[in-house]
Protein backbone atom coordinates (compact mmCIF):
# COMPACT_ATOMS: atom_id res chain seq x y z
CA MET A 1 169.69 12.79 60.65
CA LYS A 2 172.79 12.23 62.26
CA TYR A 3 172.77 15.96 63.80
CA LEU A 4 169.13 15.14 65.14
CA LEU A 5 170.41 11.88 66.84
CA ILE A 6 173.24 13.86 68.55
CA ILE A 7 170.96 16.68 69.64
CA GLY A 8 168.33 14.15 70.91
CA ALA A 9 171.20 12.11 72.82
CA PHE A 10 172.34 15.50 74.38
CA PHE A 11 168.94 16.35 75.62
CA ALA A 12 168.52 12.80 76.95
CA PHE A 13 171.63 13.21 78.99
CA LEU A 14 170.65 16.58 80.29
CA ASN A 15 167.40 15.12 81.51
CA THR A 16 168.90 12.06 83.08
CA SER A 17 171.60 14.00 84.79
CA ARG A 18 169.01 16.51 86.30
CA VAL A 19 166.78 13.56 87.59
CA SER A 20 169.75 11.84 89.19
CA ALA A 21 170.98 14.86 91.22
CA GLN A 22 169.73 12.90 94.18
CA GLN A 23 168.58 9.60 94.87
CA ILE A 24 167.01 8.56 98.24
CA ASN A 25 168.44 4.92 98.68
CA SER A 26 166.95 4.05 102.05
CA ALA A 27 165.33 5.06 105.14
CA GLU A 28 165.18 4.00 108.83
CA ILE A 29 161.70 4.95 110.18
CA GLN A 30 161.09 4.77 113.89
CA ILE A 31 157.30 4.17 114.57
CA SER A 32 155.84 5.55 117.80
CA GLY A 33 153.15 3.35 119.33
CA LEU A 34 154.10 0.00 118.02
CA THR A 35 153.57 -2.62 120.73
CA CYS A 36 153.15 -5.95 119.05
CA SER A 37 153.61 -7.91 115.91
CA MET A 38 150.05 -7.17 114.65
CA CYS A 39 150.94 -3.40 114.88
CA THR A 40 153.95 -4.01 112.85
CA GLN A 41 152.08 -5.93 110.37
CA ALA A 42 149.42 -3.27 110.00
CA THR A 43 152.10 -0.73 109.35
CA GLU A 44 154.05 -2.76 107.06
CA LYS A 45 150.91 -3.55 104.96
CA SER A 46 150.04 0.27 104.71
CA MET A 47 153.58 1.25 103.70
CA ARG A 48 153.82 -1.62 101.12
CA THR A 49 151.08 0.01 98.99
CA LEU A 50 153.63 2.66 98.05
CA SER A 51 155.19 1.66 94.63
CA TYR A 52 158.67 3.07 95.28
CA ILE A 53 159.36 0.76 98.27
CA ASP A 54 161.80 -2.03 97.46
CA THR A 55 162.40 -3.91 100.66
CA MET A 56 161.25 -3.44 104.20
CA GLU A 57 162.68 -5.01 107.27
CA PRO A 58 160.92 -4.36 110.57
CA ASP A 59 162.77 -4.45 113.93
CA LEU A 60 160.13 -5.00 116.58
CA ASN A 61 162.77 -4.53 119.49
CA LYS A 62 163.39 -0.92 118.21
CA ASN A 63 160.03 -0.02 116.73
CA LEU A 64 162.05 0.55 113.61
CA PHE A 65 161.53 -0.05 109.81
CA LYS A 66 164.60 -0.38 107.55
CA VAL A 67 163.22 0.52 104.01
CA THR A 68 165.18 0.57 100.79
CA PHE A 69 163.72 2.12 97.49
CA LYS A 70 163.48 1.34 94.08
CA ASN A 71 165.65 3.44 91.47
CA PRO A 72 164.74 6.00 89.92
CA GLU A 73 161.28 6.68 91.41
CA ALA A 74 160.86 9.58 93.57
CA VAL A 75 160.27 8.92 97.15
CA ASP A 76 157.69 11.24 99.04
CA PHE A 77 158.38 11.51 102.66
CA ASP A 78 154.86 12.92 103.32
CA GLN A 79 153.36 9.76 101.80
CA LEU A 80 155.33 7.74 104.04
CA GLN A 81 154.28 9.46 107.15
CA ARG A 82 150.70 9.29 105.97
CA LYS A 83 150.89 5.55 105.34
CA VAL A 84 152.02 5.31 109.06
CA LYS A 85 149.35 7.46 110.16
CA ASP A 86 146.98 5.46 108.19
CA ALA A 87 147.94 2.26 110.08
CA GLY A 88 147.10 4.05 113.45
CA PHE A 89 150.77 5.24 114.47
CA SER A 90 153.10 8.21 114.09
CA VAL A 91 156.58 8.68 112.78
CA GLY A 92 158.95 9.18 115.87
CA ASN A 93 162.13 9.66 113.58
CA LEU A 94 162.96 9.31 109.87
CA GLN A 95 166.58 9.10 108.86
CA ALA A 96 167.26 8.71 105.29
CA VAL A 97 170.37 8.08 103.03
CA ILE A 98 170.32 10.46 100.15
CA ASN A 99 172.84 10.07 97.27
CA PHE A 100 173.50 13.57 96.35
CA LYS A 101 175.48 14.36 93.39
CA GLN A 102 177.17 17.85 93.39
CA VAL A 103 174.15 19.52 95.11
CA LYS A 104 174.85 23.09 96.10
CA VAL A 105 173.37 24.18 99.51
CA ASP A 106 173.27 27.92 99.53
CA GLU A 107 173.88 30.58 102.11
CA ASN A 108 170.31 29.88 103.63
CA GLY A 109 170.84 26.39 103.79
CA GLN A 110 168.60 25.55 100.94
CA ALA A 111 168.97 23.23 98.03
CA ILE A 112 166.62 22.80 95.17
CA ILE A 113 166.71 19.58 93.30
CA GLY A 114 164.16 18.90 90.52
CA ASN A 115 160.55 19.84 92.18
CA LYS A 116 161.93 19.16 95.72
CA VAL A 117 163.21 21.71 98.18
CA TYR A 118 165.40 20.91 101.15
CA ARG A 119 166.36 23.43 103.74
CA PHE A 120 169.26 22.07 106.08
CA ALA A 121 169.41 23.33 109.58
CA ASN A 122 173.10 22.73 110.18
CA VAL A 123 174.64 23.15 106.54
CA LYS A 124 175.17 26.39 104.57
CA ASN A 125 177.26 27.22 101.47
CA LYS A 126 178.50 23.54 100.86
CA VAL A 127 178.24 21.18 97.93
CA LEU A 128 176.95 17.63 98.95
CA ASN A 129 178.17 14.69 97.02
CA GLY A 130 177.66 10.85 97.65
CA PRO A 131 175.56 9.00 100.26
CA THR A 132 174.57 11.21 103.02
CA LYS A 133 172.58 10.42 106.16
CA VAL A 134 169.96 13.16 106.89
CA ASN A 135 167.34 13.46 109.54
CA VAL A 136 163.95 14.82 108.64
CA ILE A 137 162.97 17.34 111.28
CA ASP A 138 159.64 18.59 110.14
CA LYS A 139 156.64 18.48 112.44
CA ASN A 140 155.25 14.98 111.67
CA PHE A 141 158.37 13.16 111.67
CA MET A 142 159.31 13.23 115.28
CA SER A 143 157.44 13.44 118.51
CA ALA A 144 155.69 16.60 119.58
CA SER A 145 158.22 17.32 122.49
CA LYS A 146 161.12 16.57 120.30
CA PHE A 147 159.66 19.01 117.63
CA LYS A 148 159.30 21.75 120.17
CA GLN A 149 162.77 21.45 121.35
CA LYS A 150 163.88 21.49 117.62
CA GLN A 151 161.83 24.50 116.88
CA ALA A 152 163.38 26.37 119.82
CA GLN A 153 166.97 25.56 118.39
CA VAL A 154 166.40 25.94 114.70
CA LYS A 155 165.14 29.47 113.70
CA ILE A 156 163.66 28.59 110.35
CA ALA A 157 160.26 30.34 109.80
CA SER A 158 159.04 27.47 107.53
CA LEU A 159 159.71 24.70 110.15
CA ALA A 160 156.40 24.74 111.60
CA SER A 161 154.26 24.67 108.38
CA GLY A 162 156.58 22.89 105.95
CA MET A 163 155.90 25.66 103.45
CA ALA A 164 157.80 28.69 102.22
CA ILE A 165 157.80 30.89 99.24
CA VAL A 166 160.36 29.48 96.74
CA ASN A 167 160.75 31.23 93.37
CA GLY A 168 157.43 33.05 93.86
CA LYS A 169 155.45 29.81 94.62
CA ASN A 170 154.20 28.38 97.93
CA THR A 171 156.27 25.06 98.06
CA ARG A 172 156.66 22.19 100.40
CA VAL A 173 160.09 22.39 101.85
CA TYR A 174 161.58 19.47 103.94
CA HIS A 175 163.77 20.39 106.59
CA LEU A 176 166.77 18.27 107.17
CA SER A 177 169.81 18.06 109.42
CA LEU A 178 173.01 16.02 109.06
């Protein structure tokens, strides 16, 4: 019986350490098109439907939302973007703080953490550890003109679609820069 408890504790530890390889702590989301407090309220109401949002602080002067997330729920950048779009606006910039725990970025700038794939535009062959500010540089996370500029600078084939073949499967890849 004691042997089974030790094995069970070991597998529970492995599972916890895999899940905690990264945690998205917070984000600053710049919203394009906000013109008044009613626009801000509509956007806030839409985003508050996401279960993983803990706190949200709008800054009307900068068209910015400072958001913190609950632990240990998984944050979905695409869901955040869709909620902003559902309110009638678009994401102009999304900067997140991710707490990496010994995450290896390979020679292609790619890091696989659980079921999420991140491809870094400006990091290769590095281990990320601790809170790190990243910018999401995918198509729906910046203005069309900024994305066009970024696409000309960053030569990553999956940047336009956000999809790539990873481990033999067509997978959503989040493109980030530090």
